[in-house]
C-alpha atoms as a PDB file:
ATOM      1  CA  MET A   1      96.013 131.506  85.168  1.00  0.00           C
ATOM      2  CA  THR A   2      96.730 129.257  88.125  1.00  0.00           C
ATOM      3  CA  ASP A   3      99.426 126.625  87.704  1.00  0.00           C
ATOM      4  CA  ALA A   4      97.575 123.291  87.378  1.00  0.00           C
ATOM      5  CA  SER A   5      99.808 121.584  89.946  1.00  0.00           C
ATOM      6  CA  ASN A   6      98.761 124.166  92.569  1.00  0.00           C
ATOM      7  CA  THR A   7      95.038 124.185  91.778  1.00  0.00           C
ATOM      8  CA  THR A   8      92.919 122.826  94.621  1.00  0.00           C
ATOM      9  CA  ILE A   9      89.957 120.508  94.106  1.00  0.00           C
ATOM     10  CA  PHE A  10      87.735 123.361  95.288  1.00  0.00           C
ATOM     11  CA  GLU A  11      89.106 125.728  92.629  1.00  0.00           C
ATOM     12  CA  LEU A  12      88.564 123.065  89.974  1.00  0.00           C
ATOM     13  CA  ALA A  13      85.052 122.397  91.277  1.00  0.00           C
ATOM     14  CA  ASP A  14      84.291 126.121  91.113  1.00  0.00           C
ATOM     15  CA  GLN A  15      85.175 126.055  87.408  1.00  0.00           C
ATOM     16  CA  PHE A  16      82.727 123.186  86.792  1.00  0.00           C
ATOM     17  CA  ILE A  17      80.049 124.975  88.843  1.00  0.00           C
ATOM     18  CA  ALA A  18      80.561 128.212  86.884  1.00  0.00           C
ATOM     19  CA  LEU A  19      80.058 126.294  83.624  1.00  0.00           C
ATOM     20  CA  ALA A  20      76.998 124.506  85.060  1.00  0.00           C
ATOM     21  CA  ASN A  21      75.525 127.866  86.118  1.00  0.00           C
ATOM     22  CA  GLN A  22      76.154 129.277  82.640  1.00  0.00           C
ATOM     23  CA  LEU A  23      74.525 126.257  81.002  1.00  0.00           C
ATOM     24  CA  SER A  24      71.588 126.436  83.429  1.00  0.00           C
ATOM     25  CA  GLN A  25      70.949 130.012  82.338  1.00  0.00           C
ATOM     26  CA  GLN A  26      71.242 129.103  78.653  1.00  0.00           C
ATOM     27  CA  GLU A  27      69.005 126.048  78.963  1.00  0.00           C
ATOM     28  CA  GLY A  28      66.649 127.520  81.551  1.00  0.00           C
ATOM     29  CA  ASP A  29      66.620 124.124  83.243  1.00  0.00           C
ATOM     30  CA  VAL A  30      68.795 123.393  86.267  1.00  0.00           C
ATOM     31  CA  GLY A  31      67.532 119.780  86.393  1.00  0.00           C
ATOM     32  CA  LYS A  32      68.679 119.039  82.859  1.00  0.00           C
ATOM     33  CA  VAL A  33      72.117 120.519  83.563  1.00  0.00           C
ATOM     34  CA  GLY A  34      72.358 118.641  86.883  1.00  0.00           C
ATOM     35  CA  THR A  35      71.521 115.366  85.149  1.00  0.00           C
ATOM     36  CA  ALA A  36      74.117 116.064  82.449  1.00  0.00           C
ATOM     37  CA  LEU A  37      76.709 116.925  85.100  1.00  0.00           C
ATOM     38  CA  ARG A  38      76.039 113.660  86.996  1.00  0.00           C
ATOM     39  CA  PHE A  39      76.339 111.716  83.741  1.00  0.00           C
ATOM     40  CA  ALA A  40      79.602 113.496  82.913  1.00  0.00           C
ATOM     41  CA  ALA A  41      80.936 112.776  86.416  1.00  0.00           C
ATOM     42  CA  ALA A  42      79.968 109.106  86.094  1.00  0.00           C
ATOM     43  CA  ARG A  43      81.616 108.853  82.694  1.00  0.00           C
ATOM     44  CA  PHE A  44      84.800 110.568  83.847  1.00  0.00           C
ATOM     45  CA  ASN A  45      84.951 108.554  87.090  1.00  0.00           C
ATOM     46  CA  ALA A  46      84.584 105.317  85.099  1.00  0.00           C
ATOM     47  CA  PHE A  47      87.504 106.480  82.954  1.00  0.00           C
ATOM     48  CA  GLU A  48      89.507 107.317  86.099  1.00  0.00           C
ATOM     49  CA  ALA A  49      88.787 103.849  87.531  1.00  0.00           C
ATOM     50  CA  ALA A  50      89.742 102.192  84.245  1.00  0.00           C
ATOM     51  CA  ILE A  51      93.162 103.849  84.076  1.00  0.00           C
ATOM     52  CA  LYS A  52      93.896 103.267  87.777  1.00  0.00           C
ATOM     53  CA  SER A  53      92.811  99.632  87.894  1.00  0.00           C
ATOM     54  CA  ALA A  54      94.873  96.604  86.991  1.00  0.00           C
ATOM     55  CA  ASP A  55      91.650  94.581  86.493  1.00  0.00           C
ATOM     56  CA  LEU A  56      88.524  96.748  86.407  1.00  0.00           C
ATOM     57  CA  GLY A  57      86.272  93.744  85.900  1.00  0.00           C
ATOM     58  CA  ALA A  58      87.460  92.254  89.177  1.00  0.00           C
ATOM     59  CA  GLU A  59      87.530  95.618  90.952  1.00  0.00           C
ATOM     60  CA  LYS A  60      84.235  97.026  89.633  1.00  0.00           C
ATOM     61  CA  ASP A  61      82.290  96.475  92.873  1.00  0.00           C
ATOM     62  CA  SER A  62      85.056  98.066  94.941  1.00  0.00           C
ATOM     63  CA  ALA A  63      85.201 101.030  92.564  1.00  0.00           C
ATOM     64  CA  LEU A  64      81.421 101.465  92.725  1.00  0.00           C
ATOM     65  CA  GLU A  65      81.516 101.369  96.518  1.00  0.00           C
ATOM     66  CA  TRP A  66      84.402 103.842  96.759  1.00  0.00           C
ATOM     67  CA  PHE A  67      83.005 106.381  94.264  1.00  0.00           C
ATOM     68  CA  SER A  68      79.490 106.074  95.718  1.00  0.00           C
ATOM     69  CA  SER A  69      80.768 106.606  99.254  1.00  0.00           C
ATOM     70  CA  GLU A  70      82.803 109.639  98.194  1.00  0.00           C
ATOM     71  CA  PHE A  71      79.829 111.170  96.352  1.00  0.00           C
ATOM     72  CA  ARG A  72      77.430 110.464  99.210  1.00  0.00           C
ATOM     73  CA  GLU A  73      79.717 112.200 101.720  1.00  0.00           C
ATOM     74  CA  MET A  74      80.243 115.220  99.440  1.00  0.00           C
ATOM     75  CA  LEU A  75      76.527 115.471  98.675  1.00  0.00           C
ATOM     76  CA  SER A  76      75.612 115.200 102.361  1.00  0.00           C
ATOM     77  CA  ASP A  77      78.026 118.010 103.278  1.00  0.00           C
ATOM     78  CA  ASN A  78      76.638 120.240 100.538  1.00  0.00           C
ATOM     79  CA  LEU A  79      73.007 119.458 101.412  1.00  0.00           C
ATOM     80  CA  ASP A  80      73.789 120.452 105.009  1.00  0.00           C
ATOM     81  CA  ASP A  81      75.263 123.698 103.704  1.00  0.00           C
ATOM     82  CA  HIS A  82      72.108 124.460 101.697  1.00  0.00           C
ATOM     83  CA  ILE A  83      69.912 123.597 104.692  1.00  0.00           C
ATOM     84  CA  ALA A  84      71.860 126.121 106.769  1.00  0.00           C
ATOM     85  CA  ASN A  85      72.044 128.658 103.897  1.00  0.00           C
ATOM     86  CA  PRO A  86      69.062 128.164 101.568  1.00  0.00           C
ATOM     87  CA  PRO A  87      69.584 129.451  98.028  1.00  0.00           C
ATOM     88  CA  ILE A  88      67.365 132.183  96.635  1.00  0.00           C
ATOM     89  CA  ILE A  89      65.164 130.443  94.077  1.00  0.00           C
ATOM     90  CA  GLN A  90      64.410 132.355  90.892  1.00  0.00           C
ATOM     91  CA  GLU A  91      61.124 132.017  89.026  1.00  0.00           C
ATOM     92  CA  THR A  92      62.720 130.111  86.117  1.00  0.00           C
ATOM     93  CA  VAL A  93      64.120 127.491  88.492  1.00  0.00           C
ATOM     94  CA  ALA A  94      60.836 127.142  90.357  1.00  0.00           C
ATOM     95  CA  GLU A  95      58.935 126.568  87.085  1.00  0.00           C
ATOM     96  CA  GLU A  96      61.201 123.724  85.993  1.00  0.00           C
ATOM     97  CA  THR A  97      59.447 121.263  83.696  1.00  0.00           C
ATOM     98  CA  ASP A  98      62.181 118.697  83.008  1.00  0.00           C
ATOM     99  CA  HIS A  99      61.004 115.365  84.415  1.00  0.00           C
ATOM    100  CA  SER A 100      64.365 113.628  83.995  1.00  0.00           C
ATOM    101  CA  VAL A 101      65.082 114.256  87.670  1.00  0.00           C
ATOM    102  CA  GLN A 102      63.161 113.613  90.863  1.00  0.00           C
ATOM    103  CA  MET A 103      61.407 116.579  92.437  1.00  0.00           C
ATOM    104  CA  PHE A 104      61.993 116.447  96.182  1.00  0.00           C
ATOM    105  CA  LYS A 105      58.776 117.599  97.748  1.00  0.00           C
ATOM    106  CA  GLY A 106      57.406 116.041 100.909  1.00  0.00           C
END
């Protein structure tokens, strides 16, 4: 196992993605897993902000702006990657019925 102090953010992210892929197969619903992953990220990021902040109440707006900006940049980069390299969509993903997430169809 990799020493935690030498693990990159990309290696850690790959571990979360592997778990999300496993859960997507088990649940048969990528939207449900994506929503759960966003909730988990929000919960953990709120915890991170709370332990790093001297006064989270006063710094809440700054924390929201910083985390939102970081997420937006990461999401934009990954959307660009999927535009350039579209994923192969399986039947079970295409037949998704979970309405907890927005379907992006023009």
